[in-house]
Amino acid sequence: MDFKFSKSEEVIQKVAREFAEKEVAPLAEEIDKSGRFPEETFKKMVECGFTGIGVPVEYGGSGGDDIAKVIVVSEIAKKCGATAAILSIHGIFGQTILRFGTEEQKQKYLPLVANGGKKTAFALTEPNAGSDAAAVKTVAVSDGDDYVITGTKCFITGGNLADYVIVFASTDPSKGVKGLSAIVVPKGTPGFSIGKVEHKMGIRASQTAELIFDGCRVPKENLVGKEGQGFKIAMVGLDGARIGVASQALGIAEGALEESVSYMKERVQFGKPIAALQGLQWYISDMATRIECARWMVYRAAYLKVTGQPFTKEAAIAKLNASETASFVANKALQIHGGYGYMQDYPLERMVRDAKITEIYEGTSEIHKVVISRAVLG
């Protein structure tokens, strides 16, 4: 097996790394403290073609695949978990339209959201439908050539800023999960409003909002796939999103390790750099080992997706392992930095906060254990 990057992947990594250092890192502290969306960085990611990775050129995208996405997202996450989250989650809309949309929908939406600068969101979660996605209560009632949507979504990443939202609503409540459908709702549609914008512990610049639908009328041509296909569309979207979150977690862990190595070589105690202390060397060994394992799990899941093979179990394994690795490594890195790590002058306390959400969103660690065990047990 050849685990080497291709020449084009090496170029992507170099470009992404330079972008992260020059454009992302300088703003990371400020956008974390303020919680503002980094509009200037998003525009530059559009200009670089990062937002269009995975969308074919004929639809206005940048081409490339999920391996390229992992490379870019993880490099950005080394410097800012929130910016990586913005990029990763933005891509779910395009991939959903590409997989399930009509040709007219692909022509209409993909050029706008791939490299056209339009923002997107994926609205599945509700107050009583988190891990239990089948418990969605939002409804879309047929009325002539339209759907009339009523319900509330919560914890929607970028929902307050999105130009287009894929909303999961029941078009036939009598069928339970088999009545769930996916519908595109544009920003500004009457009956669609923004509720609470959450004040979060981490990834603060990646804004999270409540979406309210009160008699929101959209044309039936906005239906993605078929009526009743929504649960399948959501699960496919989440499989891909889990690779994205795993990439974020991987990058946070790699960034925390890099910060630790640099600090240990510079920090002198007892007359020598603390890199000479065996106890801290063992921390580095544990951190590096777990990162290496996580890295190949993430890339294997992406490879399976790219090559058209089943990857649900592998995406769950990658996300579970990478997220727990991110929290482990970030905490060890903070410990290595001692009192300095606890201060906001250093990025470690932000990394600890940013790492935690990767164990929760796009499926908690507990849900991923359910997915993995079901796949293994059959």
Protein backbone atom coordinates (compact mmCIF):
# COMPACT_ATOMS: atom_id res chain seq x y z
CA MET A 1 0.00 0.00 0.00
CA ASP A 2 1.24 3.48 -0.88
CA PHE A 3 0.51 6.08 1.79
CA LYS A 4 2.33 8.91 0.01
CA PHE A 5 0.57 12.03 -1.19
CA SER A 6 0.48 12.55 -4.94
CA LYS A 7 2.28 15.59 -6.36
CA SER A 8 -1.00 17.49 -6.61
CA GLU A 9 -1.87 16.62 -3.00
CA GLU A 10 1.53 17.88 -1.87
CA VAL A 11 0.81 21.16 -3.63
CA ILE A 12 -2.61 21.41 -1.99
CA GLN A 13 -1.05 20.82 1.41
CA LYS A 14 1.60 23.48 0.82
CA VAL A 15 -0.99 26.03 -0.32
CA ALA A 16 -3.31 25.23 2.59
CA ARG A 17 -0.48 25.41 5.13
CA GLU A 18 0.68 28.79 3.85
CA PHE A 19 -2.90 30.06 3.82
CA ALA A 20 -3.42 28.91 7.40
CA GLU A 21 -0.25 30.61 8.59
CA LYS A 22 -0.77 33.89 6.71
CA GLU A 23 -4.54 34.34 6.71
CA VAL A 24 -5.99 32.19 9.49
CA ALA A 25 -3.53 32.29 12.39
CA PRO A 26 -3.37 36.11 12.72
CA LEU A 27 -7.15 36.31 13.29
CA ALA A 28 -7.65 33.20 15.41
CA GLU A 29 -7.42 34.84 18.82
CA GLU A 30 -9.52 37.87 17.90
CA ILE A 31 -12.42 35.97 16.32
CA ASP A 32 -12.46 33.55 19.23
CA LYS A 33 -12.78 36.36 21.75
CA SER A 34 -15.32 38.35 19.73
CA GLY A 35 -17.24 35.38 18.33
CA ARG A 36 -17.57 37.14 14.98
CA PHE A 37 -17.74 35.30 11.69
CA PRO A 38 -14.44 35.86 9.80
CA GLU A 39 -15.99 37.24 6.63
CA GLU A 40 -12.64 38.31 5.21
CA THR A 41 -11.19 34.82 5.65
CA PHE A 42 -14.25 33.17 4.12
CA LYS A 43 -13.92 35.37 1.04
CA LYS A 44 -10.26 34.40 0.72
CA MET A 45 -11.14 30.71 1.04
CA VAL A 46 -13.59 31.22 -1.82
CA GLU A 47 -10.88 32.95 -3.88
CA CYS A 48 -8.47 30.07 -3.22
CA GLY A 49 -11.08 27.54 -4.33
CA PHE A 50 -11.24 25.83 -0.94
CA THR A 51 -15.02 26.16 -0.74
CA GLY A 52 -15.38 24.42 -4.10
CA ILE A 53 -13.31 21.31 -3.38
CA GLY A 54 -15.33 18.21 -4.22
CA VAL A 55 -17.63 20.00 -6.67
CA PRO A 56 -16.86 19.29 -10.35
CA VAL A 57 -15.50 22.14 -12.44
CA GLU A 58 -18.48 21.95 -14.79
CA TYR A 59 -20.68 23.04 -11.89
CA GLY A 60 -18.42 25.91 -10.90
CA GLY A 61 -16.39 23.96 -8.37
CA SER A 62 -12.68 23.37 -7.91
CA GLY A 63 -12.74 19.64 -8.55
CA GLY A 64 -10.71 17.48 -6.20
CA ASP A 65 -12.02 14.98 -3.70
CA ASP A 66 -12.42 14.18 -0.02
CA ILE A 67 -8.71 13.53 0.45
CA ALA A 68 -8.03 17.09 -0.69
CA LYS A 69 -10.70 18.29 1.76
CA VAL A 70 -9.04 16.45 4.63
CA ILE A 71 -5.72 18.05 3.74
CA VAL A 72 -7.11 21.59 3.61
CA VAL A 73 -9.41 21.35 6.64
CA SER A 74 -6.74 19.78 8.86
CA GLU A 75 -4.12 22.36 7.90
CA ILE A 76 -6.52 25.21 8.70
CA ALA A 77 -7.59 23.53 11.96
CA LYS A 78 -3.98 23.60 13.16
CA LYS A 79 -4.35 27.35 13.44
CA CYS A 80 -8.08 27.83 14.06
CA GLY A 81 -10.67 25.16 14.75
CA ALA A 82 -13.54 27.56 14.10
CA THR A 83 -12.36 28.51 10.61
CA ALA A 84 -11.87 24.83 9.78
CA ALA A 85 -15.40 24.11 10.98
CA ILE A 86 -16.81 26.87 8.79
CA LEU A 87 -15.12 25.43 5.71
CA SER A 88 -15.92 21.80 6.48
CA ILE A 89 -19.61 22.24 7.24
CA HIS A 90 -20.12 24.61 4.29
CA GLY A 91 -19.35 21.72 1.96
CA ILE A 92 -22.23 19.48 3.12
CA PHE A 93 -24.80 21.46 1.12
CA GLY A 94 -22.94 21.12 -2.16
CA GLN A 95 -22.27 17.43 -1.68
CA THR A 96 -25.95 16.82 -0.91
CA ILE A 97 -27.10 18.64 -4.05
CA LEU A 98 -24.44 16.88 -6.11
CA ARG A 99 -25.54 13.45 -4.89
CA PHE A 100 -29.33 13.86 -4.71
CA GLY A 101 -30.26 17.05 -6.57
CA THR A 102 -31.80 17.38 -10.01
CA GLU A 103 -29.75 18.69 -12.89
CA GLU A 104 -31.61 22.00 -12.58
CA GLN A 105 -30.70 22.22 -8.88
CA LYS A 106 -27.08 21.47 -9.61
CA GLN A 107 -26.95 24.19 -12.26
CA LYS A 108 -28.75 26.65 -9.99
CA TYR A 109 -27.03 26.16 -6.62
CA LEU A 110 -23.61 24.61 -7.09
CA PRO A 111 -21.87 27.52 -8.86
CA LEU A 112 -23.19 29.86 -6.16
CA VAL A 113 -22.15 27.81 -3.14
CA ALA A 114 -18.97 26.20 -4.49
CA ASN A 115 -16.96 29.23 -5.54
CA GLY A 116 -19.63 31.92 -5.76
CA GLY A 117 -19.37 33.05 -2.15
CA LYS A 118 -22.87 32.04 -1.03
CA LYS A 119 -23.07 30.49 2.44
CA THR A 120 -25.00 27.36 3.36
CA ALA A 121 -26.36 25.35 6.27
CA PHE A 122 -27.70 21.86 6.96
CA ALA A 123 -30.73 22.00 9.27
CA LEU A 124 -31.54 18.64 10.83
CA THR A 125 -31.24 19.04 14.62
CA GLU A 126 -34.23 20.07 16.73
CA PRO A 127 -34.72 20.56 20.47
CA ASN A 128 -36.03 16.99 20.77
CA ALA A 129 -34.24 15.50 17.77
CA GLY A 130 -30.49 15.49 18.35
CA SER A 131 -28.94 12.03 18.33
CA ASP A 132 -32.42 10.71 17.51
CA ALA A 133 -32.72 12.28 14.08
CA ALA A 134 -35.86 10.29 13.36
CA ALA A 135 -37.72 12.38 15.97
CA VAL A 136 -37.88 15.48 13.75
CA LYS A 137 -41.15 17.37 14.28
CA THR A 138 -40.82 20.09 11.63
CA VAL A 139 -43.46 19.56 8.96
CA ALA A 140 -43.76 20.56 5.30
CA VAL A 141 -47.42 20.54 4.24
CA SER A 142 -48.25 20.27 0.54
CA ASP A 143 -50.25 23.22 -0.78
CA GLY A 144 -50.57 23.24 -4.54
CA ASP A 145 -47.14 23.78 -6.06
CA ASP A 146 -45.62 24.71 -2.70
CA TYR A 147 -44.60 23.29 0.66
CA VAL A 148 -45.52 25.23 3.79
CA ILE A 149 -42.89 24.55 6.47
CA THR A 150 -43.51 24.93 10.19
CA GLY A 151 -41.10 24.04 12.98
CA THR A 152 -37.91 24.97 14.79
CA LYS A 153 -34.33 23.87 14.26
CA CYS A 154 -31.54 24.36 16.79
CA PHE A 155 -27.73 24.25 16.90
CA ILE A 156 -27.49 24.90 13.16
CA THR A 157 -23.95 25.83 12.18
CA GLY A 158 -23.96 29.01 10.12
CA GLY A 159 -27.75 29.03 9.97
CA ASN A 160 -27.98 32.73 10.77
CA LEU A 161 -25.64 33.60 7.89
CA ALA A 162 -26.65 31.04 5.27
CA ASP A 163 -27.99 32.08 1.89
CA TYR A 164 -29.38 28.57 1.41
CA VAL A 165 -30.42 26.01 4.02
CA ILE A 166 -31.30 22.37 3.48
CA VAL A 167 -34.18 21.83 5.90
CA PHE A 168 -35.32 18.38 6.95
CA ALA A 169 -39.07 18.27 7.49
CA SER A 170 -41.78 15.64 7.44
CA THR A 171 -43.94 15.69 4.32
CA ASP A 172 -45.97 12.76 5.70
CA PRO A 173 -45.90 12.49 9.52
CA SER A 174 -47.95 9.27 9.39
CA LYS A 175 -44.93 7.46 7.90
CA GLY A 176 -42.55 8.43 10.68
CA VAL A 177 -38.93 8.48 9.53
CA LYS A 178 -40.02 7.37 6.05
CA GLY A 179 -41.95 10.60 5.69
CA LEU A 180 -38.93 12.86 6.18
CA SER A 181 -37.87 15.02 3.21
CA ALA A 182 -35.09 17.50 2.40
CA ILE A 183 -36.02 20.95 1.09
CA VAL A 184 -33.89 23.97 0.15
CA VAL A 185 -35.01 27.19 1.84
CA PRO A 186 -33.36 30.43 0.65
CA LYS A 187 -32.49 33.25 3.04
CA GLY A 188 -35.20 35.90 3.21
CA THR A 189 -38.09 33.55 2.45
CA PRO A 190 -41.21 34.86 4.27
CA GLY A 191 -41.88 32.79 7.38
CA PHE A 192 -38.18 31.92 7.84
CA SER A 193 -36.49 33.79 10.69
CA ILE A 194 -33.44 33.51 12.91
CA GLY A 195 -33.90 32.82 16.59
CA LYS A 196 -31.19 32.62 19.22
CA VAL A 197 -27.54 32.78 18.17
CA GLU A 198 -25.72 30.60 20.68
CA HIS A 199 -22.91 31.73 22.98
CA LYS A 200 -20.55 28.76 22.83
CA MET A 201 -17.60 27.37 24.74
CA GLY A 202 -15.47 26.80 21.65
CA ILE A 203 -15.29 27.29 17.86
CA ARG A 204 -16.92 30.61 18.69
CA ALA A 205 -16.42 32.24 15.29
CA SER A 206 -18.34 29.40 13.67
CA GLN A 207 -21.72 30.75 14.62
CA THR A 208 -24.56 28.47 15.68
CA ALA A 209 -28.21 29.48 15.53
CA GLU A 210 -31.83 28.58 16.01
CA LEU A 211 -33.95 28.64 12.85
CA ILE A 212 -37.69 29.26 13.01
CA PHE A 213 -40.15 28.31 10.26
CA ASP A 214 -43.64 29.72 10.66
CA GLY A 215 -45.72 29.03 7.58
CA CYS A 216 -42.61 29.30 5.40
CA ARG A 217 -43.68 28.74 1.80
CA VAL A 218 -41.24 27.36 -0.78
CA PRO A 219 -41.85 25.84 -4.24
CA LYS A 220 -41.86 22.08 -4.58
CA GLU A 221 -39.02 22.36 -7.06
CA ASN A 222 -36.84 22.96 -3.96
CA LEU A 223 -37.35 19.36 -2.84
CA VAL A 224 -34.01 17.52 -2.87
CA GLY A 225 -34.35 13.92 -3.99
CA LYS A 226 -37.80 12.43 -3.47
CA GLU A 227 -40.41 12.82 -0.77
CA GLY A 228 -39.61 10.43 2.07
CA GLN A 229 -35.94 10.23 1.11
CA GLY A 230 -34.88 12.78 3.71
CA PHE A 231 -33.58 10.39 6.35
CA LYS A 232 -31.33 8.67 3.83
CA ILE A 233 -30.09 12.05 2.58
CA ALA A 234 -29.39 13.18 6.13
CA MET A 235 -27.46 10.01 7.01
CA VAL A 236 -25.38 10.18 3.82
CA GLY A 237 -24.65 13.82 4.53
CA LEU A 238 -23.63 13.02 8.10
CA ASP A 239 -21.30 10.24 6.97
CA GLY A 240 -19.40 12.76 4.86
CA ALA A 241 -19.62 15.42 7.56
CA ARG A 242 -18.04 13.05 10.06
CA ILE A 243 -14.93 12.82 7.92
CA GLY A 244 -14.90 16.62 7.95
CA VAL A 245 -15.14 16.81 11.75
CA ALA A 246 -12.48 14.13 12.06
CA SER A 247 -10.27 16.31 9.84
CA GLN A 248 -10.87 19.29 12.13
CA ALA A 249 -10.01 17.19 15.18
CA LEU A 250 -6.89 15.84 13.50
CA GLY A 251 -5.71 19.36 12.69
CA ILE A 252 -6.33 20.62 16.22
CA ALA A 253 -4.31 17.72 17.60
CA GLU A 254 -1.48 18.28 15.12
CA GLY A 255 -1.43 21.99 15.94
CA ALA A 256 -1.31 21.32 19.68
CA LEU A 257 1.60 18.92 19.20
CA GLU A 258 3.49 21.46 17.11
CA GLU A 259 2.96 24.12 19.78
CA SER A 260 4.23 21.72 22.44
CA VAL A 261 7.39 20.73 20.56
CA SER A 262 8.27 24.37 19.94
CA TYR A 263 7.61 25.34 23.56
CA MET A 264 9.58 22.42 25.01
CA LYS A 265 12.65 23.34 22.98
CA GLU A 266 12.51 26.97 24.12
CA ARG A 267 11.40 26.68 27.75
CA VAL A 268 14.32 26.25 30.14
CA GLN A 269 13.93 24.88 33.67
CA PHE A 270 16.60 23.50 36.00
CA GLY A 271 19.22 24.74 33.57
CA LYS A 272 18.05 22.85 30.49
CA PRO A 273 15.21 22.87 27.96
CA ILE A 274 12.21 20.96 29.26
CA ALA A 275 12.45 18.82 26.11
CA ALA A 276 15.19 16.98 28.00
CA LEU A 277 12.76 15.87 30.73
CA GLN A 278 11.76 12.23 30.25
CA GLY A 279 8.26 12.68 31.67
CA LEU A 280 7.43 15.32 29.06
CA GLN A 281 9.11 13.30 26.34
CA TRP A 282 6.67 10.52 27.13
CA TYR A 283 3.80 12.97 26.80
CA ILE A 284 5.06 13.81 23.32
CA SER A 285 5.36 10.11 22.49
CA ASP A 286 1.78 9.43 23.53
CA MET A 287 0.51 12.47 21.64
CA ALA A 288 2.39 11.64 18.44
CA THR A 289 1.31 7.99 18.52
CA ARG A 290 -2.37 8.81 18.90
CA ILE A 291 -2.19 11.45 16.16
CA GLU A 292 -0.55 9.00 13.76
CA CYS A 293 -3.30 6.46 14.37
CA ALA A 294 -6.01 9.09 13.93
CA ARG A 295 -4.43 10.41 10.75
CA TRP A 296 -4.61 7.11 8.91
CA MET A 297 -8.13 6.39 10.11
CA VAL A 298 -9.27 9.74 8.72
CA TYR A 299 -7.51 9.28 5.39
CA ARG A 300 -8.77 5.71 5.06
CA ALA A 301 -12.37 6.85 5.51
CA ALA A 302 -11.81 9.57 2.90
CA TYR A 303 -10.18 7.08 0.53
CA LEU A 304 -13.13 4.70 0.81
CA LYS A 305 -15.55 7.53 0.05
CA VAL A 306 -13.49 8.71 -2.92
CA THR A 307 -13.31 5.22 -4.39
CA GLY A 308 -17.03 4.59 -3.99
CA GLN A 309 -16.76 1.96 -1.28
CA PRO A 310 -18.93 1.73 1.86
CA PHE A 311 -17.49 4.02 4.53
CA THR A 312 -20.15 4.54 7.21
CA LYS A 313 -18.33 2.44 9.82
CA GLU A 314 -14.93 3.84 8.90
CA ALA A 315 -16.20 7.44 9.07
CA ALA A 316 -17.60 6.74 12.53
CA ILE A 317 -14.33 5.14 13.64
CA ALA A 318 -12.32 8.05 12.27
CA LYS A 319 -14.52 10.67 13.91
CA LEU A 320 -14.67 8.87 17.26
CA ASN A 321 -10.92 8.32 17.41
CA ALA A 322 -9.81 11.68 16.03
CA SER A 323 -12.12 13.69 18.28
CA GLU A 324 -11.00 11.87 21.42
CA THR A 325 -7.40 12.23 20.25
CA ALA A 326 -7.86 15.98 19.81
CA SER A 327 -9.11 16.38 23.38
CA PHE A 328 -6.35 14.14 24.75
CA VAL A 329 -3.56 15.90 22.87
CA ALA A 330 -4.83 19.43 23.55
CA ASN A 331 -5.07 18.69 27.27
CA LYS A 332 -1.57 17.20 27.36
CA ALA A 333 -0.26 20.18 25.41
CA LEU A 334 -1.81 22.58 27.91
CA GLN A 335 -0.22 20.59 30.75
CA ILE A 336 3.17 20.84 29.07
CA HIS A 337 2.78 24.62 28.89
CA GLY A 338 1.87 24.76 32.57
CA GLY A 339 0.53 28.10 33.77
CA TYR A 340 1.24 29.70 30.40
CA GLY A 341 -1.02 27.18 28.69
CA TYR A 342 -3.91 28.24 30.90
CA MET A 343 -3.55 31.86 29.83
CA GLN A 344 -5.22 33.27 26.71
CA ASP A 345 -1.88 34.64 25.52
CA TYR A 346 -1.18 31.12 24.25
CA PRO A 347 -3.48 29.19 21.86
CA LEU A 348 -3.67 26.04 23.99
CA GLU A 349 -6.69 26.99 26.09
CA ARG A 350 -8.56 27.79 22.86
CA MET A 351 -7.52 24.46 21.37
CA VAL A 352 -8.85 22.61 24.43
CA ARG A 353 -12.21 24.35 24.05
CA ASP A 354 -12.32 23.85 20.28
CA ALA A 355 -11.41 20.17 20.57
CA LYS A 356 -14.30 19.32 22.87
CA ILE A 357 -17.06 20.02 20.35
CA THR A 358 -15.60 17.47 17.92
CA GLU A 359 -16.70 14.79 20.40
CA ILE A 360 -20.27 16.10 20.26
CA TYR A 361 -21.44 17.51 16.94
CA GLU A 362 -22.18 15.52 13.79
CA GLY A 363 -22.85 12.61 16.14
CA THR A 364 -21.63 12.22 19.72
CA SER A 365 -18.93 9.70 20.59
CA GLU A 366 -21.63 7.53 22.10
CA ILE A 367 -23.66 7.50 18.88
CA HIS A 368 -20.56 6.57 16.91
CA LYS A 369 -19.99 3.62 19.20
CA VAL A 370 -23.54 2.50 18.38
CA VAL A 371 -22.86 2.89 14.63
CA ILE A 372 -19.59 0.96 14.88
CA SER A 373 -20.96 -1.84 17.05
CA ARG A 374 -23.97 -2.35 14.76
CA ALA A 375 -21.66 -2.60 11.75
CA VAL A 376 -19.43 -5.12 13.49
CA LEU A 377 -22.23 -7.21 15.01
CA GLY A 378 -24.32 -7.17 11.84
